[in-house]
């Protein structure tokens, strides 16, 4: 059911296992050089094991079906066991009958402060807040799984989004930034609540149409597949009518902008005039990229 992911994240093949993710985790501590570097290396190893060996769902997943993903943690400040950092989370999934892997999620969370003591055990308990480190990593692990599932089946990610929402709800009492409605308008609270809101249904519809009805059918009929991808992007424009400059529109194009340009600048041509106008309207930050698509 699932496929692949990126803290930085990567892949594998084999028999049935319980773990869903094939994740590369990197911890960058260049900005705090001169401190005890070993704690960062230990953290990287512990987090890699935590993400890849935790059973995030009850699903049984074959090794070659694990989601390739990555998490890149950039530590900005470190004092004793207190860390101020950011985390870049990305994932990808294979496209049917091809050797291509499509980027699905690419998000930079700048509100990632946490406590960590070297060799500290990390345990995932969805009903309790143990540490901000565990909660943030668990939240994004579940989001990766949920978004990936949405690309294979309409609304397929719902139970995993709900699990991520539960992590977020439990973490709200912690006092850490990123979990509360009032912190910013583009944090973890808004990410999960927007995705589960009927107001933003088109985001999830677009994920399915773009990947399953579009990219996965490229081997059959590239022209029809491109038209489906164009249809998926148009769905986002309907969402934008109700919620201009929405967080989820940005999340979508942070992952897909380069790929969209590649799709519509090669292979069988389709009428892109309407598509390009939509792209300029709903994602003006990527205007330079959209100019490469010939109408």
C-alpha atoms as a PDB file:
ATOM      1  CA  UNK A   1       0.000   0.000   0.000  1.00  0.00           C
ATOM      2  CA  UNK A   2       2.774   2.383   0.883  1.00  0.00           C
ATOM      3  CA  UNK A   3       5.932   3.084  -1.074  1.00  0.00           C
ATOM      4  CA  UNK A   4       8.867   5.374  -0.315  1.00  0.00           C
ATOM      5  CA  UNK A   5      10.317   8.463   1.756  1.00  0.00           C
ATOM      6  CA  UNK A   6      13.179  11.137   2.815  1.00  0.00           C
ATOM      7  CA  UNK A   7      15.146  13.807   7.441  1.00  0.00           C
ATOM      8  CA  UNK A   8      17.170  12.792   4.550  1.00  0.00           C
ATOM      9  CA  UNK A   9      15.303   9.231   3.736  1.00  0.00           C
ATOM     10  CA  UNK A  10      16.041   6.092   1.409  1.00  0.00           C
ATOM     11  CA  UNK A  11      15.050   2.436   0.221  1.00  0.00           C
ATOM     12  CA  UNK A  12      15.191  -1.400   0.573  1.00  0.00           C
ATOM     13  CA  UNK A  13      13.676  -4.815  -0.587  1.00  0.00           C
ATOM     14  CA  UNK A  14      12.620  -8.072   1.088  1.00  0.00           C
ATOM     15  CA  UNK A  15      10.053  -9.915   3.155  1.00  0.00           C
ATOM     16  CA  UNK A  16       7.073  -8.781   5.183  1.00  0.00           C
ATOM     17  CA  UNK A  17       7.894  -6.485   8.090  1.00  0.00           C
ATOM     18  CA  UNK A  18       5.876  -4.277  10.395  1.00  0.00           C
ATOM     19  CA  UNK A  19       7.792  -1.035   9.864  1.00  0.00           C
ATOM     20  CA  UNK A  20       6.470   1.373   7.253  1.00  0.00           C
ATOM     21  CA  UNK A  21       9.355   3.791   6.712  1.00  0.00           C
ATOM     22  CA  UNK A  22      12.746   3.635   5.055  1.00  0.00           C
ATOM     23  CA  UNK A  23      14.075   6.891   6.386  1.00  0.00           C
ATOM     24  CA  UNK A  24      17.441   8.606   6.252  1.00  0.00           C
ATOM     25  CA  UNK A  25      17.971  10.832   9.257  1.00  0.00           C
ATOM     26  CA  UNK A  26      20.742  13.428   9.326  1.00  0.00           C
ATOM     27  CA  UNK A  27      21.672  15.810  12.141  1.00  0.00           C
ATOM     28  CA  UNK A  28      23.691  18.853  11.089  1.00  0.00           C
ATOM     29  CA  UNK A  29      25.562  20.527  13.962  1.00  0.00           C
ATOM     30  CA  UNK A  30      27.937  22.806  12.018  1.00  0.00           C
ATOM     31  CA  UNK A  31      26.484  25.941  13.626  1.00  0.00           C
ATOM     32  CA  UNK A  32      27.372  24.658  17.100  1.00  0.00           C
ATOM     33  CA  UNK A  33      30.808  23.256  16.257  1.00  0.00           C
ATOM     34  CA  UNK A  34      33.268  23.030  19.128  1.00  0.00           C
ATOM     35  CA  UNK A  35      30.811  21.359  21.485  1.00  0.00           C
ATOM     36  CA  UNK A  36      30.636  17.655  22.244  1.00  0.00           C
ATOM     37  CA  UNK A  37      29.978  16.386  18.733  1.00  0.00           C
ATOM     38  CA  UNK A  38      29.332  12.832  19.866  1.00  0.00           C
ATOM     39  CA  UNK A  39      25.902  13.695  21.258  1.00  0.00           C
ATOM     40  CA  UNK A  40      24.737  14.705  17.765  1.00  0.00           C
ATOM     41  CA  UNK A  41      26.061  11.527  16.186  1.00  0.00           C
ATOM     42  CA  UNK A  42      24.382   9.443  18.872  1.00  0.00           C
ATOM     43  CA  UNK A  43      21.133  11.338  18.328  1.00  0.00           C
ATOM     44  CA  UNK A  44      21.298  10.652  14.588  1.00  0.00           C
ATOM     45  CA  UNK A  45      21.709   6.914  15.179  1.00  0.00           C
ATOM     46  CA  UNK A  46      18.969   6.779  17.819  1.00  0.00           C
ATOM     47  CA  UNK A  47      16.520   8.718  15.646  1.00  0.00           C
ATOM     48  CA  UNK A  48      17.251   6.546  12.615  1.00  0.00           C
ATOM     49  CA  UNK A  49      16.390   3.451  14.646  1.00  0.00           C
ATOM     50  CA  UNK A  50      13.352   5.130  16.185  1.00  0.00           C
ATOM     51  CA  UNK A  51      11.819   6.148  12.862  1.00  0.00           C
ATOM     52  CA  UNK A  52      12.589   2.953  10.977  1.00  0.00           C
ATOM     53  CA  UNK A  53      11.910   0.379  13.690  1.00  0.00           C
ATOM     54  CA  UNK A  54       8.723   1.787  15.211  1.00  0.00           C
ATOM     55  CA  UNK A  55       5.416   0.230  14.145  1.00  0.00           C
ATOM     56  CA  UNK A  56       3.542   3.411  13.276  1.00  0.00           C
ATOM     57  CA  UNK A  57       0.435   1.571  12.091  1.00  0.00           C
ATOM     58  CA  UNK A  58      -1.041  -1.929  12.324  1.00  0.00           C
ATOM     59  CA  UNK A  59      -0.400  -2.567   8.625  1.00  0.00           C
ATOM     60  CA  UNK A  60       1.944  -5.278   7.413  1.00  0.00           C
ATOM     61  CA  UNK A  61       4.342  -3.830   4.872  1.00  0.00           C
ATOM     62  CA  UNK A  62       6.816  -5.616   2.617  1.00  0.00           C
ATOM     63  CA  UNK A  63      10.345  -4.262   2.735  1.00  0.00           C
ATOM     64  CA  UNK A  64      10.187  -3.051  -0.866  1.00  0.00           C
ATOM     65  CA  UNK A  65       6.949  -1.191  -0.039  1.00  0.00           C
ATOM     66  CA  UNK A  66       8.436   0.911   2.727  1.00  0.00           C
ATOM     67  CA  UNK A  67       8.223   4.627   2.096  1.00  0.00           C
ATOM     68  CA  UNK A  68      11.487   6.286   1.157  1.00  0.00           C
ATOM     69  CA  UNK A  69      11.854   9.480   3.117  1.00  0.00           C
ATOM     70  CA  UNK A  70      14.332  11.768   4.844  1.00  0.00           C
ATOM     71  CA  UNK A  71      14.517  14.015   7.879  1.00  0.00           C
ATOM     72  CA  UNK A  72      17.245  16.631   8.054  1.00  0.00           C
ATOM     73  CA  UNK A  73      17.674  18.260  11.463  1.00  0.00           C
ATOM     74  CA  UNK A  74      19.676  21.474  11.527  1.00  0.00           C
ATOM     75  CA  UNK A  75      20.764  22.398  15.071  1.00  0.00           C
ATOM     76  CA  UNK A  76      21.070  26.165  15.521  1.00  0.00           C
ATOM     77  CA  UNK A  77      21.747  26.309  19.271  1.00  0.00           C
ATOM     78  CA  UNK A  78      22.780  23.756  21.867  1.00  0.00           C
ATOM     79  CA  UNK A  79      23.187  24.214  25.623  1.00  0.00           C
ATOM     80  CA  UNK A  80      23.536  21.164  27.899  1.00  0.00           C
ATOM     81  CA  UNK A  81      20.467  19.143  26.879  1.00  0.00           C
ATOM     82  CA  UNK A  82      18.510  21.983  25.243  1.00  0.00           C
ATOM     83  CA  UNK A  83      18.361  22.137  21.443  1.00  0.00           C
ATOM     84  CA  UNK A  84      17.011  24.780  19.080  1.00  0.00           C
ATOM     85  CA  UNK A  85      16.673  23.398  15.572  1.00  0.00           C
ATOM     86  CA  UNK A  86      14.726  23.150  12.345  1.00  0.00           C
ATOM     87  CA  UNK A  87      13.644  19.967  10.591  1.00  0.00           C
ATOM     88  CA  UNK A  88      13.247  19.398   6.855  1.00  0.00           C
ATOM     89  CA  UNK A  89      10.999  16.421   6.115  1.00  0.00           C
ATOM     90  CA  UNK A  90      10.635  14.907   2.663  1.00  0.00           C
ATOM     91  CA  UNK A  91       9.234  11.764   1.084  1.00  0.00           C
ATOM     92  CA  UNK A  92       8.798  10.218  -2.319  1.00  0.00           C
ATOM     93  CA  UNK A  93       6.939   7.334  -3.882  1.00  0.00           C
ATOM     94  CA  UNK A  94       7.687   5.137  -6.922  1.00  0.00           C
ATOM     95  CA  UNK A  95       5.689   5.581 -10.095  1.00  0.00           C
ATOM     96  CA  UNK A  96       4.103   2.436 -11.513  1.00  0.00           C
ATOM     97  CA  UNK A  97       5.994   0.607 -14.250  1.00  0.00           C
ATOM     98  CA  UNK A  98       8.914   3.044 -14.206  1.00  0.00           C
ATOM     99  CA  UNK A  99      12.198   3.637 -12.440  1.00  0.00           C
ATOM    100  CA  UNK A 100      11.090   7.114 -11.401  1.00  0.00           C
ATOM    101  CA  UNK A 101      10.394   8.186  -7.820  1.00  0.00           C
ATOM    102  CA  UNK A 102       8.128  11.207  -7.409  1.00  0.00           C
ATOM    103  CA  UNK A 103       8.542  13.759  -4.578  1.00  0.00           C
ATOM    104  CA  UNK A 104       5.371  13.804  -2.483  1.00  0.00           C
ATOM    105  CA  UNK A 105       6.135  15.841   0.651  1.00  0.00           C
ATOM    106  CA  UNK A 106       8.827  18.446   1.272  1.00  0.00           C
ATOM    107  CA  UNK A 107       8.334  20.599   4.337  1.00  0.00           C
ATOM    108  CA  UNK A 108      10.598  22.740   6.506  1.00  0.00           C
ATOM    109  CA  UNK A 109       9.470  23.110  10.131  1.00  0.00           C
ATOM    110  CA  UNK A 110      11.315  25.948  11.853  1.00  0.00           C
ATOM    111  CA  UNK A 111       9.733  25.419  15.291  1.00  0.00           C
ATOM    112  CA  UNK A 112      11.715  22.424  16.505  1.00  0.00           C
ATOM    113  CA  UNK A 113      13.054  22.985  20.007  1.00  0.00           C
ATOM    114  CA  UNK A 114      13.555  20.001  22.290  1.00  0.00           C
ATOM    115  CA  UNK A 115      15.436  18.401  25.162  1.00  0.00           C
ATOM    116  CA  UNK A 116      17.675  15.409  24.595  1.00  0.00           C
ATOM    117  CA  UNK A 117      20.201  13.614  26.773  1.00  0.00           C
ATOM    118  CA  UNK A 118      22.673  11.286  25.087  1.00  0.00           C
ATOM    119  CA  UNK A 119      21.532   7.630  25.114  1.00  0.00           C
ATOM    120  CA  UNK A 120      18.037   8.694  26.151  1.00  0.00           C
ATOM    121  CA  UNK A 121      15.475   6.051  25.164  1.00  0.00           C
ATOM    122  CA  UNK A 122      12.823   7.200  22.712  1.00  0.00           C
ATOM    123  CA  UNK A 123       9.410   5.568  23.039  1.00  0.00           C
ATOM    124  CA  UNK A 124       6.292   6.346  21.048  1.00  0.00           C
ATOM    125  CA  UNK A 125       3.107   6.445  23.111  1.00  0.00           C
ATOM    126  CA  UNK A 126       0.265   8.177  21.222  1.00  0.00           C
ATOM    127  CA  UNK A 127      -1.600   8.862  24.471  1.00  0.00           C
ATOM    128  CA  UNK A 128       1.125  10.724  26.334  1.00  0.00           C
ATOM    129  CA  UNK A 129       3.679  13.476  25.801  1.00  0.00           C
ATOM    130  CA  UNK A 130       7.146  12.164  26.608  1.00  0.00           C
ATOM    131  CA  UNK A 131       9.305  14.730  24.819  1.00  0.00           C
ATOM    132  CA  UNK A 132       9.010  17.241  22.009  1.00  0.00           C
ATOM    133  CA  UNK A 133      11.646  15.306  20.096  1.00  0.00           C
ATOM    134  CA  UNK A 134       9.502  12.161  20.125  1.00  0.00           C
ATOM    135  CA  UNK A 135       6.269  14.012  19.375  1.00  0.00           C
ATOM    136  CA  UNK A 136       7.612  15.962  16.384  1.00  0.00           C
ATOM    137  CA  UNK A 137       9.296  12.911  14.855  1.00  0.00           C
ATOM    138  CA  UNK A 138       6.187  10.786  15.443  1.00  0.00           C
ATOM    139  CA  UNK A 139       3.954  13.479  13.954  1.00  0.00           C
ATOM    140  CA  UNK A 140       5.950  13.704  10.738  1.00  0.00           C
ATOM    141  CA  UNK A 141       6.370   9.937  10.474  1.00  0.00           C
ATOM    142  CA  UNK A 142       2.588   9.580  10.530  1.00  0.00           C
ATOM    143  CA  UNK A 143       2.154  12.488   8.110  1.00  0.00           C
ATOM    144  CA  UNK A 144       4.513  10.822   5.634  1.00  0.00           C
ATOM    145  CA  UNK A 145       2.507   7.609   5.830  1.00  0.00           C
ATOM    146  CA  UNK A 146      -0.815   9.446   5.511  1.00  0.00           C
ATOM    147  CA  UNK A 147       0.162  11.570   2.528  1.00  0.00           C
ATOM    148  CA  UNK A 148       1.671   8.554   0.788  1.00  0.00           C
ATOM    149  CA  UNK A 149      -1.543   6.577   1.329  1.00  0.00           C
ATOM    150  CA  UNK A 150      -3.588   9.428  -0.180  1.00  0.00           C
ATOM    151  CA  UNK A 151      -1.608   9.101  -3.411  1.00  0.00           C
ATOM    152  CA  UNK A 152      -2.659   5.461  -3.855  1.00  0.00           C
ATOM    153  CA  UNK A 153      -6.286   5.535  -2.718  1.00  0.00           C
ATOM    154  CA  UNK A 154      -8.809   8.351  -2.444  1.00  0.00           C
ATOM    155  CA  UNK A 155      -8.855   9.400   1.233  1.00  0.00           C
ATOM    156  CA  UNK A 156      -6.581   6.444   1.996  1.00  0.00           C
ATOM    157  CA  UNK A 157      -4.581   8.413   4.545  1.00  0.00           C
ATOM    158  CA  UNK A 158      -7.450   9.315   6.878  1.00  0.00           C
ATOM    159  CA  UNK A 159      -6.619   6.956   9.797  1.00  0.00           C
ATOM    160  CA  UNK A 160      -2.987   8.042   9.754  1.00  0.00           C
ATOM    161  CA  UNK A 161      -3.850  11.746   9.627  1.00  0.00           C
ATOM    162  CA  UNK A 162      -6.116  11.132  12.619  1.00  0.00           C
ATOM    163  CA  UNK A 163      -3.237   9.452  14.450  1.00  0.00           C
ATOM    164  CA  UNK A 164      -1.009  12.458  13.657  1.00  0.00           C
ATOM    165  CA  UNK A 165      -3.744  14.775  14.913  1.00  0.00           C
ATOM    166  CA  UNK A 166      -3.873  12.844  18.188  1.00  0.00           C
ATOM    167  CA  UNK A 167      -0.120  13.332  18.613  1.00  0.00           C
ATOM    168  CA  UNK A 168      -0.616  17.054  17.989  1.00  0.00           C
ATOM    169  CA  UNK A 169      -3.530  17.301  20.426  1.00  0.00           C
ATOM    170  CA  UNK A 170      -1.604  15.573  23.219  1.00  0.00           C
ATOM    171  CA  UNK A 171       1.451  17.799  22.600  1.00  0.00           C
ATOM    172  CA  UNK A 172      -0.527  21.049  22.906  1.00  0.00           C
ATOM    173  CA  UNK A 173      -0.203  21.076  26.689  1.00  0.00           C
ATOM    174  CA  UNK A 174       3.607  20.846  26.473  1.00  0.00           C
ATOM    175  CA  UNK A 175       4.149  24.555  25.890  1.00  0.00           C
ATOM    176  CA  UNK A 176       6.435  23.945  22.901  1.00  0.00           C
ATOM    177  CA  UNK A 177       5.948  26.161  19.868  1.00  0.00           C
ATOM    178  CA  UNK A 178       4.343  24.670  16.774  1.00  0.00           C
ATOM    179  CA  UNK A 179       1.435  22.780  18.280  1.00  0.00           C
ATOM    180  CA  UNK A 180      -0.944  25.625  19.068  1.00  0.00           C
ATOM    181  CA  UNK A 181      -3.406  27.473  16.863  1.00  0.00           C
ATOM    182  CA  UNK A 182      -2.053  30.853  17.889  1.00  0.00           C
ATOM    183  CA  UNK A 183       1.667  30.217  17.343  1.00  0.00           C
ATOM    184  CA  UNK A 184       1.725  30.929  13.577  1.00  0.00           C
ATOM    185  CA  UNK A 185      -0.640  30.209  10.701  1.00  0.00           C
ATOM    186  CA  UNK A 186       1.698  27.651   9.108  1.00  0.00           C
ATOM    187  CA  UNK A 187       2.693  25.233  11.846  1.00  0.00           C
ATOM    188  CA  UNK A 188       1.936  21.620  12.745  1.00  0.00           C
ATOM    189  CA  UNK A 189      -1.453  22.555  14.187  1.00  0.00           C
ATOM    190  CA  UNK A 190      -2.595  24.122  10.934  1.00  0.00           C
ATOM    191  CA  UNK A 191      -1.003  21.451   8.752  1.00  0.00           C
ATOM    192  CA  UNK A 192      -2.979  18.581  10.238  1.00  0.00           C
ATOM    193  CA  UNK A 193      -6.191  20.505  10.916  1.00  0.00           C
ATOM    194  CA  UNK A 194      -6.310  21.933   7.398  1.00  0.00           C
ATOM    195  CA  UNK A 195      -5.748  18.530   5.834  1.00  0.00           C
ATOM    196  CA  UNK A 196      -8.629  17.034   7.822  1.00  0.00           C
ATOM    197  CA  UNK A 197     -10.943  19.997   7.160  1.00  0.00           C
ATOM    198  CA  UNK A 198     -13.611  19.665   4.453  1.00  0.00           C
ATOM    199  CA  UNK A 199     -12.633  23.165   3.354  1.00  0.00           C
ATOM    200  CA  UNK A 200      -9.409  21.764   1.932  1.00  0.00           C
ATOM    201  CA  UNK A 201     -10.722  18.503   0.453  1.00  0.00           C
ATOM    202  CA  UNK A 202      -9.238  19.427  -2.924  1.00  0.00           C
ATOM    203  CA  UNK A 203      -5.707  19.059  -1.562  1.00  0.00           C
ATOM    204  CA  UNK A 204      -6.230  15.362  -0.880  1.00  0.00           C
ATOM    205  CA  UNK A 205      -8.202  14.894  -4.092  1.00  0.00           C
ATOM    206  CA  UNK A 206      -5.312  16.447  -5.996  1.00  0.00           C
ATOM    207  CA  UNK A 207      -2.802  14.075  -4.383  1.00  0.00           C
ATOM    208  CA  UNK A 208      -4.768  11.068  -5.619  1.00  0.00           C
ATOM    209  CA  UNK A 209      -5.576  12.374  -9.101  1.00  0.00           C
ATOM    210  CA  UNK A 210      -2.039  13.665  -9.693  1.00  0.00           C
ATOM    211  CA  UNK A 211      -0.248  10.474  -8.669  1.00  0.00           C
ATOM    212  CA  UNK A 212      -2.578   7.510  -9.178  1.00  0.00           C
ATOM    213  CA  UNK A 213      -4.614   8.732 -12.136  1.00  0.00           C
ATOM    214  CA  UNK A 214      -1.802  10.809 -13.621  1.00  0.00           C
ATOM    215  CA  UNK A 215       1.777   9.687 -13.022  1.00  0.00           C
ATOM    216  CA  UNK A 216       0.943   6.004 -12.522  1.00  0.00           C
ATOM    217  CA  UNK A 217      -0.765   5.947 -15.951  1.00  0.00           C
ATOM    218  CA  UNK A 218       2.108   7.590 -17.826  1.00  0.00           C
ATOM    219  CA  UNK A 219       3.244   4.213 -19.156  1.00  0.00           C
ATOM    220  CA  UNK A 220      -0.145   3.724 -20.837  1.00  0.00           C
ATOM    221  CA  UNK A 221      -0.949   7.116 -22.323  1.00  0.00           C
ATOM    222  CA  UNK A 222       1.235  10.127 -21.570  1.00  0.00           C
ATOM    223  CA  UNK A 223      -1.174  12.673 -23.042  1.00  0.00           C
ATOM    224  CA  UNK A 224      -4.146  11.469 -20.971  1.00  0.00           C
ATOM    225  CA  UNK A 225      -1.947  11.213 -17.876  1.00  0.00           C
ATOM    226  CA  UNK A 226      -0.798  14.816 -18.325  1.00  0.00           C
ATOM    227  CA  UNK A 227      -4.401  15.932 -18.637  1.00  0.00           C
ATOM    228  CA  UNK A 228      -5.167  14.224 -15.310  1.00  0.00           C
ATOM    229  CA  UNK A 229      -2.218  15.987 -13.685  1.00  0.00           C
ATOM    230  CA  UNK A 230      -3.499  19.284 -15.048  1.00  0.00           C
ATOM    231  CA  UNK A 231      -6.936  18.414 -13.639  1.00  0.00           C
ATOM    232  CA  UNK A 232      -5.387  17.767 -10.212  1.00  0.00           C
ATOM    233  CA  UNK A 233      -3.723  21.189 -10.192  1.00  0.00           C
ATOM    234  CA  UNK A 234      -6.996  22.800 -11.239  1.00  0.00           C
ATOM    235  CA  UNK A 235      -8.647  21.222  -8.169  1.00  0.00           C
ATOM    236  CA  UNK A 236      -6.256  23.276  -6.053  1.00  0.00           C
ATOM    237  CA  UNK A 237      -7.466  26.450  -7.757  1.00  0.00           C
ATOM    238  CA  UNK A 238     -10.990  25.732  -6.485  1.00  0.00           C
ATOM    239  CA  UNK A 239      -9.564  25.446  -2.986  1.00  0.00           C
ATOM    240  CA  UNK A 240      -7.781  28.745  -3.448  1.00  0.00           C
ATOM    241  CA  UNK A 241     -11.054  30.479  -4.298  1.00  0.00           C
ATOM    242  CA  UNK A 242     -12.254  29.771  -0.769  1.00  0.00           C
ATOM    243  CA  UNK A 243      -8.916  30.110   1.011  1.00  0.00           C
ATOM    244  CA  UNK A 244      -6.455  32.305  -0.949  1.00  0.00           C
ATOM    245  CA  UNK A 245      -2.755  31.742  -0.217  1.00  0.00           C
ATOM    246  CA  UNK A 246      -3.548  28.608   1.751  1.00  0.00           C
ATOM    247  CA  UNK A 247      -0.857  26.739   3.645  1.00  0.00           C
ATOM    248  CA  UNK A 248      -1.657  23.485   1.831  1.00  0.00           C
ATOM    249  CA  UNK A 249      -1.222  25.042  -1.595  1.00  0.00           C
ATOM    250  CA  UNK A 250       2.297  26.005  -0.570  1.00  0.00           C
ATOM    251  CA  UNK A 251       2.925  22.526   0.839  1.00  0.00           C
ATOM    252  CA  UNK A 252       1.831  20.973  -2.459  1.00  0.00           C
ATOM    253  CA  UNK A 253       4.065  23.130  -4.653  1.00  0.00           C
ATOM    254  CA  UNK A 254       7.057  22.896  -2.316  1.00  0.00           C
ATOM    255  CA  UNK A 255       7.108  19.227  -3.299  1.00  0.00           C
ATOM    256  CA  UNK A 256       5.835  19.330  -6.879  1.00  0.00           C
ATOM    257  CA  UNK A 257       6.895  22.574  -8.628  1.00  0.00           C
ATOM    258  CA  UNK A 258      10.051  21.260 -10.310  1.00  0.00           C
ATOM    259  CA  UNK A 259       8.320  18.056 -11.326  1.00  0.00           C
ATOM    260  CA  UNK A 260       5.385  19.938 -12.870  1.00  0.00           C
ATOM    261  CA  UNK A 261       7.771  21.943 -15.054  1.00  0.00           C
ATOM    262  CA  UNK A 262       9.505  18.737 -16.137  1.00  0.00           C
ATOM    263  CA  UNK A 263       6.214  17.011 -16.995  1.00  0.00           C
ATOM    264  CA  UNK A 264       4.906  19.837 -19.154  1.00  0.00           C
ATOM    265  CA  UNK A 265       8.130  20.701 -20.984  1.00  0.00           C
ATOM    266  CA  UNK A 266       8.753  17.271 -22.489  1.00  0.00           C
ATOM    267  CA  UNK A 267       6.934  14.371 -24.156  1.00  0.00           C
ATOM    268  CA  UNK A 268       3.535  14.610 -25.869  1.00  0.00           C
ATOM    269  CA  UNK A 269       2.218  18.146 -25.869  1.00  0.00           C
ATOM    270  CA  UNK A 270      -1.089  19.108 -24.303  1.00  0.00           C
ATOM    271  CA  UNK A 271      -2.825  22.474 -24.137  1.00  0.00           C
ATOM    272  CA  UNK A 272      -1.159  24.170 -21.180  1.00  0.00           C
ATOM    273  CA  UNK A 273      -2.530  27.709 -21.554  1.00  0.00           C
ATOM    274  CA  UNK A 274      -5.227  27.282 -18.902  1.00  0.00           C
ATOM    275  CA  UNK A 275      -2.875  25.299 -16.665  1.00  0.00           C
ATOM    276  CA  UNK A 276      -0.149  27.948 -16.761  1.00  0.00           C
ATOM    277  CA  UNK A 277      -2.646  30.679 -15.922  1.00  0.00           C
ATOM    278  CA  UNK A 278      -3.800  28.616 -12.936  1.00  0.00           C
ATOM    279  CA  UNK A 279      -0.212  28.064 -11.806  1.00  0.00           C
ATOM    280  CA  UNK A 280       0.627  31.776 -11.975  1.00  0.00           C
ATOM    281  CA  UNK A 281      -2.519  32.571  -9.995  1.00  0.00           C
ATOM    282  CA  UNK A 282      -2.274  30.047  -7.179  1.00  0.00           C
ATOM    283  CA  UNK A 283       1.520  29.802  -6.838  1.00  0.00           C
ATOM    284  CA  UNK A 284       3.038  33.152  -7.854  1.00  0.00           C
ATOM    285  CA  UNK A 285       6.182  32.427  -5.828  1.00  0.00           C
ATOM    286  CA  UNK A 286       7.094  29.883  -8.515  1.00  0.00           C
ATOM    287  CA  UNK A 287       6.466  32.231 -11.452  1.00  0.00           C
ATOM    288  CA  UNK A 288      10.011  31.871 -12.737  1.00  0.00           C
ATOM    289  CA  UNK A 289       9.515  28.124 -13.002  1.00  0.00           C
ATOM    290  CA  UNK A 290       6.101  28.421 -14.669  1.00  0.00           C
ATOM    291  CA  UNK A 291       7.648  30.648 -17.361  1.00  0.00           C
ATOM    292  CA  UNK A 292       9.566  27.587 -18.570  1.00  0.00           C
ATOM    293  CA  UNK A 293       6.305  25.855 -19.559  1.00  0.00           C
ATOM    294  CA  UNK A 294       5.554  26.707 -23.187  1.00  0.00           C
ATOM    295  CA  UNK A 295       1.928  27.535 -23.928  1.00  0.00           C
END
